[in-house]
Amino acid sequence: MPALKKYPPELKERAVRLLLAAREDAGGGRGASARIGQQLGIPADTLRKWLLRAEVDAGVRPGTTTEDAARLLELERENRELRRANAILRSASAFFAAELDRPSSR
């Protein structure tokens, strides 16, 4: 599998703007993503994905926005860390409770 290319955000914004303009001018987007993608050196599927993401972020299309997805990832990461900390605290409290239950040798 080839390495993934990282495109600058300015190029993504420009490509999406061009694709939206081409869609409005021609009355449809058939072939526009392939043509614009060829001009910019970006695969047509990548352009279509960018356009879908931009439409979701703008609220035109239903779905999870980029901002919400990032927030969900952050909350899931925090949740994992809290579960891990709780497990550590539970095992530590069980250890110390067992120490208290043992008879003292003093």
N, C-alpha and C. Protein backbone atom coordinates (compact mmCIF):
# COMPACT_ATOMS: atom_id res chain seq x y z
N MET A 1 0.85 -1.17 0.00
CA MET A 1 0.00 0.00 0.00
C MET A 1 0.90 1.24 0.00
N PRO A 2 0.63 2.20 -0.90
CA PRO A 2 1.48 3.40 -0.95
C PRO A 2 1.28 4.26 0.29
N ALA A 3 2.31 5.05 0.58
CA ALA A 3 2.25 5.95 1.73
C ALA A 3 1.19 7.02 1.51
N LEU A 4 0.54 7.40 2.58
CA LEU A 4 -0.49 8.43 2.49
C LEU A 4 0.15 9.80 2.33
N LYS A 5 -0.45 10.61 1.46
CA LYS A 5 0.04 11.97 1.28
C LYS A 5 -0.67 12.88 2.25
N LYS A 6 0.05 13.84 2.76
CA LYS A 6 -0.55 14.83 3.64
C LYS A 6 -0.65 16.13 2.85
N TYR A 7 -1.86 16.56 2.60
CA TYR A 7 -2.08 17.78 1.84
C TYR A 7 -2.25 18.96 2.78
N PRO A 8 -1.71 20.12 2.42
CA PRO A 8 -1.88 21.30 3.28
C PRO A 8 -3.34 21.73 3.32
N PRO A 9 -3.77 22.31 4.43
CA PRO A 9 -5.19 22.74 4.56
C PRO A 9 -5.60 23.75 3.50
N GLU A 10 -4.67 24.61 3.08
CA GLU A 10 -5.01 25.61 2.05
C GLU A 10 -5.40 24.93 0.74
N LEU A 11 -4.68 23.85 0.40
CA LEU A 11 -4.97 23.12 -0.83
C LEU A 11 -6.34 22.45 -0.72
N LYS A 12 -6.64 21.89 0.45
CA LYS A 12 -7.94 21.24 0.66
C LYS A 12 -9.07 22.26 0.49
N GLU A 13 -8.92 23.43 1.12
CA GLU A 13 -9.96 24.46 1.04
C GLU A 13 -10.14 24.94 -0.40
N ARG A 14 -9.04 25.13 -1.09
CA ARG A 14 -9.10 25.60 -2.47
C ARG A 14 -9.77 24.56 -3.36
N ALA A 15 -9.41 23.31 -3.18
CA ALA A 15 -9.98 22.24 -4.00
C ALA A 15 -11.48 22.11 -3.75
N VAL A 16 -11.89 22.22 -2.50
CA VAL A 16 -13.33 22.13 -2.19
C VAL A 16 -14.08 23.32 -2.79
N ARG A 17 -13.49 24.52 -2.69
CA ARG A 17 -14.13 25.70 -3.29
C ARG A 17 -14.28 25.53 -4.80
N LEU A 18 -13.21 25.04 -5.45
CA LEU A 18 -13.26 24.83 -6.90
C LEU A 18 -14.33 23.79 -7.26
N LEU A 19 -14.40 22.74 -6.48
CA LEU A 19 -15.37 21.68 -6.74
C LEU A 19 -16.80 22.19 -6.55
N LEU A 20 -17.03 22.98 -5.51
CA LEU A 20 -18.36 23.56 -5.30
C LEU A 20 -18.73 24.52 -6.43
N ALA A 21 -17.77 25.32 -6.86
CA ALA A 21 -18.03 26.26 -7.96
C ALA A 21 -18.32 25.51 -9.25
N ALA A 22 -17.58 24.44 -9.51
CA ALA A 22 -17.80 23.65 -10.72
C ALA A 22 -19.16 22.97 -10.67
N ARG A 23 -19.56 22.54 -9.48
CA ARG A 23 -20.85 21.89 -9.32
C ARG A 23 -21.99 22.88 -9.60
N GLU A 24 -21.85 24.12 -9.13
CA GLU A 24 -22.88 25.14 -9.35
C GLU A 24 -22.94 25.58 -10.81
N ASP A 25 -21.76 25.76 -11.44
CA ASP A 25 -21.71 26.22 -12.83
C ASP A 25 -22.28 25.20 -13.79
N ALA A 26 -21.89 23.97 -13.64
CA ALA A 26 -22.30 22.93 -14.58
C ALA A 26 -23.65 22.33 -14.24
N GLY A 27 -24.18 22.65 -13.08
CA GLY A 27 -25.47 22.10 -12.69
C GLY A 27 -25.37 20.69 -12.13
N GLY A 28 -24.19 20.20 -11.98
CA GLY A 28 -23.98 18.86 -11.43
C GLY A 28 -22.50 18.62 -11.25
N GLY A 29 -22.17 17.65 -10.46
CA GLY A 29 -20.76 17.42 -10.15
C GLY A 29 -20.14 16.26 -10.90
N ARG A 30 -20.86 15.71 -11.89
CA ARG A 30 -20.32 14.55 -12.60
C ARG A 30 -19.07 14.93 -13.37
N GLY A 31 -18.00 14.29 -13.05
CA GLY A 31 -16.74 14.53 -13.74
C GLY A 31 -15.96 15.70 -13.21
N ALA A 32 -16.59 16.56 -12.42
CA ALA A 32 -15.91 17.75 -11.92
C ALA A 32 -14.79 17.36 -10.97
N SER A 33 -15.04 16.38 -10.09
CA SER A 33 -14.00 16.00 -9.14
C SER A 33 -12.81 15.36 -9.86
N ALA A 34 -13.08 14.59 -10.90
CA ALA A 34 -11.98 13.98 -11.66
C ALA A 34 -11.17 15.05 -12.39
N ARG A 35 -11.88 16.01 -12.99
CA ARG A 35 -11.20 17.07 -13.75
C ARG A 35 -10.38 17.97 -12.82
N ILE A 36 -10.97 18.41 -11.73
CA ILE A 36 -10.27 19.28 -10.80
C ILE A 36 -9.14 18.52 -10.11
N GLY A 37 -9.41 17.28 -9.76
CA GLY A 37 -8.37 16.46 -9.15
C GLY A 37 -7.17 16.28 -10.05
N GLN A 38 -7.42 16.09 -11.32
CA GLN A 38 -6.32 15.95 -12.28
C GLN A 38 -5.53 17.25 -12.39
N GLN A 39 -6.22 18.38 -12.38
CA GLN A 39 -5.55 19.67 -12.47
C GLN A 39 -4.67 19.93 -11.25
N LEU A 40 -5.16 19.51 -10.06
CA LEU A 40 -4.42 19.77 -8.82
C LEU A 40 -3.51 18.62 -8.41
N GLY A 41 -3.60 17.50 -9.10
CA GLY A 41 -2.78 16.35 -8.74
C GLY A 41 -3.29 15.61 -7.51
N ILE A 42 -4.60 15.60 -7.34
CA ILE A 42 -5.24 14.95 -6.20
C ILE A 42 -6.21 13.90 -6.74
N PRO A 43 -6.23 12.70 -6.17
CA PRO A 43 -7.19 11.70 -6.64
C PRO A 43 -8.63 12.17 -6.47
N ALA A 44 -9.49 11.78 -7.42
CA ALA A 44 -10.88 12.22 -7.40
C ALA A 44 -11.61 11.74 -6.15
N ASP A 45 -11.32 10.53 -5.70
CA ASP A 45 -11.97 10.01 -4.49
C ASP A 45 -11.62 10.85 -3.27
N THR A 46 -10.38 11.31 -3.20
CA THR A 46 -9.96 12.16 -2.09
C THR A 46 -10.74 13.47 -2.11
N LEU A 47 -10.91 14.03 -3.30
CA LEU A 47 -11.69 15.27 -3.43
C LEU A 47 -13.13 15.07 -2.99
N ARG A 48 -13.72 13.94 -3.39
CA ARG A 48 -15.10 13.67 -3.00
C ARG A 48 -15.22 13.55 -1.48
N LYS A 49 -14.26 12.90 -0.84
CA LYS A 49 -14.27 12.77 0.62
C LYS A 49 -14.15 14.14 1.28
N TRP A 50 -13.26 14.97 0.75
CA TRP A 50 -13.10 16.33 1.30
C TRP A 50 -14.41 17.10 1.18
N LEU A 51 -15.07 16.96 0.03
CA LEU A 51 -16.33 17.67 -0.19
C LEU A 51 -17.40 17.18 0.78
N LEU A 52 -17.50 15.88 0.97
CA LEU A 52 -18.46 15.33 1.92
C LEU A 52 -18.18 15.85 3.33
N ARG A 53 -16.92 15.85 3.72
CA ARG A 53 -16.54 16.34 5.06
C ARG A 53 -16.89 17.81 5.20
N ALA A 54 -16.63 18.61 4.16
CA ALA A 54 -16.94 20.04 4.20
C ALA A 54 -18.45 20.26 4.31
N GLU A 55 -19.24 19.44 3.62
CA GLU A 55 -20.69 19.58 3.69
C GLU A 55 -21.21 19.19 5.07
N VAL A 56 -20.64 18.16 5.67
CA VAL A 56 -21.04 17.75 7.03
C VAL A 56 -20.67 18.85 8.02
N ASP A 57 -19.46 19.39 7.89
CA ASP A 57 -19.02 20.45 8.80
C ASP A 57 -19.87 21.71 8.66
N ALA A 58 -20.36 21.98 7.45
CA ALA A 58 -21.19 23.16 7.21
C ALA A 58 -22.63 22.93 7.63
N GLY A 59 -23.01 21.69 7.91
CA GLY A 59 -24.37 21.39 8.33
C GLY A 59 -25.31 21.12 7.17
N VAL A 60 -24.78 21.06 5.96
CA VAL A 60 -25.61 20.79 4.78
C VAL A 60 -25.99 19.31 4.72
N ARG A 61 -25.10 18.46 5.17
CA ARG A 61 -25.30 17.01 5.13
C ARG A 61 -25.25 16.47 6.56
N PRO A 62 -26.09 15.48 6.87
CA PRO A 62 -26.06 14.93 8.24
C PRO A 62 -24.79 14.13 8.49
N GLY A 63 -24.36 14.12 9.73
CA GLY A 63 -23.18 13.36 10.11
C GLY A 63 -22.47 14.02 11.28
N THR A 64 -21.40 13.38 11.71
CA THR A 64 -20.60 13.90 12.81
C THR A 64 -19.57 14.87 12.28
N THR A 65 -19.58 16.08 12.79
CA THR A 65 -18.63 17.09 12.32
C THR A 65 -17.21 16.75 12.78
N THR A 66 -16.25 17.36 12.16
CA THR A 66 -14.85 17.14 12.51
C THR A 66 -14.59 17.55 13.95
N GLU A 67 -15.19 18.66 14.36
CA GLU A 67 -15.03 19.16 15.73
C GLU A 67 -15.60 18.17 16.74
N ASP A 68 -16.80 17.65 16.44
CA ASP A 68 -17.42 16.68 17.34
C ASP A 68 -16.62 15.38 17.41
N ALA A 69 -16.10 14.94 16.27
CA ALA A 69 -15.31 13.71 16.24
C ALA A 69 -14.04 13.86 17.07
N ALA A 70 -13.40 15.02 16.98
CA ALA A 70 -12.19 15.27 17.77
C ALA A 70 -12.53 15.31 19.26
N ARG A 71 -13.64 15.92 19.60
CA ARG A 71 -14.07 15.99 21.01
C ARG A 71 -14.39 14.59 21.53
N LEU A 72 -15.05 13.76 20.72
CA LEU A 72 -15.35 12.39 21.13
C LEU A 72 -14.07 11.59 21.38
N LEU A 73 -13.10 11.75 20.50
CA LEU A 73 -11.81 11.06 20.70
C LEU A 73 -11.15 11.49 22.00
N GLU A 74 -11.20 12.79 22.27
CA GLU A 74 -10.60 13.31 23.49
C GLU A 74 -11.32 12.76 24.73
N LEU A 75 -12.64 12.72 24.68
CA LEU A 75 -13.41 12.20 25.81
C LEU A 75 -13.19 10.70 26.00
N GLU A 76 -13.08 9.96 24.91
CA GLU A 76 -12.80 8.52 25.01
C GLU A 76 -11.43 8.27 25.62
N ARG A 77 -10.47 9.07 25.22
CA ARG A 77 -9.11 8.95 25.77
C ARG A 77 -9.12 9.24 27.28
N GLU A 78 -9.84 10.30 27.65
CA GLU A 78 -9.94 10.67 29.06
C GLU A 78 -10.66 9.57 29.85
N ASN A 79 -11.70 9.00 29.26
CA ASN A 79 -12.44 7.93 29.90
C ASN A 79 -11.55 6.70 30.14
N ARG A 80 -10.75 6.34 29.13
CA ARG A 80 -9.81 5.21 29.29
C ARG A 80 -8.84 5.46 30.42
N GLU A 81 -8.31 6.68 30.50
CA GLU A 81 -7.34 7.02 31.55
C GLU A 81 -8.00 6.97 32.93
N LEU A 82 -9.23 7.46 33.02
CA LEU A 82 -9.93 7.42 34.30
C LEU A 82 -10.24 5.98 34.72
N ARG A 83 -10.62 5.14 33.77
CA ARG A 83 -10.86 3.72 34.09
C ARG A 83 -9.58 3.05 34.58
N ARG A 84 -8.48 3.38 33.94
CA ARG A 84 -7.19 2.82 34.33
C ARG A 84 -6.82 3.28 35.75
N ALA A 85 -7.01 4.56 36.03
CA ALA A 85 -6.72 5.09 37.36
C ALA A 85 -7.61 4.45 38.41
N ASN A 86 -8.89 4.25 38.08
CA ASN A 86 -9.80 3.59 39.03
C ASN A 86 -9.37 2.16 39.30
N ALA A 87 -8.93 1.45 38.28
CA ALA A 87 -8.47 0.07 38.46
C ALA A 87 -7.25 0.04 39.38
N ILE A 88 -6.34 0.98 39.20
CA ILE A 88 -5.14 1.06 40.05
C ILE A 88 -5.54 1.35 41.48
N LEU A 89 -6.45 2.30 41.67
CA LEU A 89 -6.90 2.65 43.02
C LEU A 89 -7.64 1.48 43.68
N ARG A 90 -8.45 0.74 42.91
CA ARG A 90 -9.15 -0.41 43.45
C ARG A 90 -8.16 -1.49 43.92
N SER A 91 -7.16 -1.77 43.09
CA SER A 91 -6.19 -2.80 43.48
C SER A 91 -5.36 -2.33 44.68
N ALA A 92 -5.03 -1.04 44.73
CA ALA A 92 -4.27 -0.53 45.87
C ALA A 92 -5.10 -0.60 47.15
N SER A 93 -6.38 -0.25 47.07
CA SER A 93 -7.22 -0.31 48.27
C SER A 93 -7.41 -1.76 48.71
N ALA A 94 -7.51 -2.69 47.77
CA ALA A 94 -7.63 -4.11 48.14
C ALA A 94 -6.35 -4.58 48.82
N PHE A 95 -5.22 -4.14 48.32
CA PHE A 95 -3.94 -4.52 48.92
C PHE A 95 -3.84 -4.01 50.35
N PHE A 96 -4.15 -2.72 50.54
CA PHE A 96 -4.04 -2.16 51.88
C PHE A 96 -5.11 -2.71 52.82
N ALA A 97 -6.28 -3.03 52.32
CA ALA A 97 -7.31 -3.64 53.15
C ALA A 97 -6.86 -5.02 53.61
N ALA A 98 -6.19 -5.75 52.74
CA ALA A 98 -5.67 -7.06 53.11
C ALA A 98 -4.58 -6.92 54.17
N GLU A 99 -3.78 -5.88 54.06
CA GLU A 99 -2.74 -5.63 55.07
C GLU A 99 -3.35 -5.33 56.43
N LEU A 100 -4.46 -4.62 56.45
CA LEU A 100 -5.11 -4.28 57.71
C LEU A 100 -5.77 -5.51 58.36
N ASP A 101 -6.20 -6.46 57.54
CA ASP A 101 -6.86 -7.66 58.05
C ASP A 101 -5.87 -8.66 58.63
N ARG A 102 -4.62 -8.58 58.24
CA ARG A 102 -3.62 -9.53 58.75
C ARG A 102 -3.30 -9.21 60.19
N PRO A 103 -3.08 -10.27 61.00
CA PRO A 103 -2.70 -10.01 62.39
C PRO A 103 -1.33 -9.38 62.48
N SER A 104 -1.20 -8.47 63.39
CA SER A 104 0.07 -7.77 63.57
C SER A 104 1.07 -8.66 64.29
N SER A 105 2.33 -8.61 63.93
CA SER A 105 3.36 -9.44 64.56
C SER A 105 4.01 -8.68 65.71
N ARG A 106 3.52 -7.56 66.08
CA ARG A 106 4.10 -6.78 67.16
C ARG A 106 3.64 -7.23 68.50
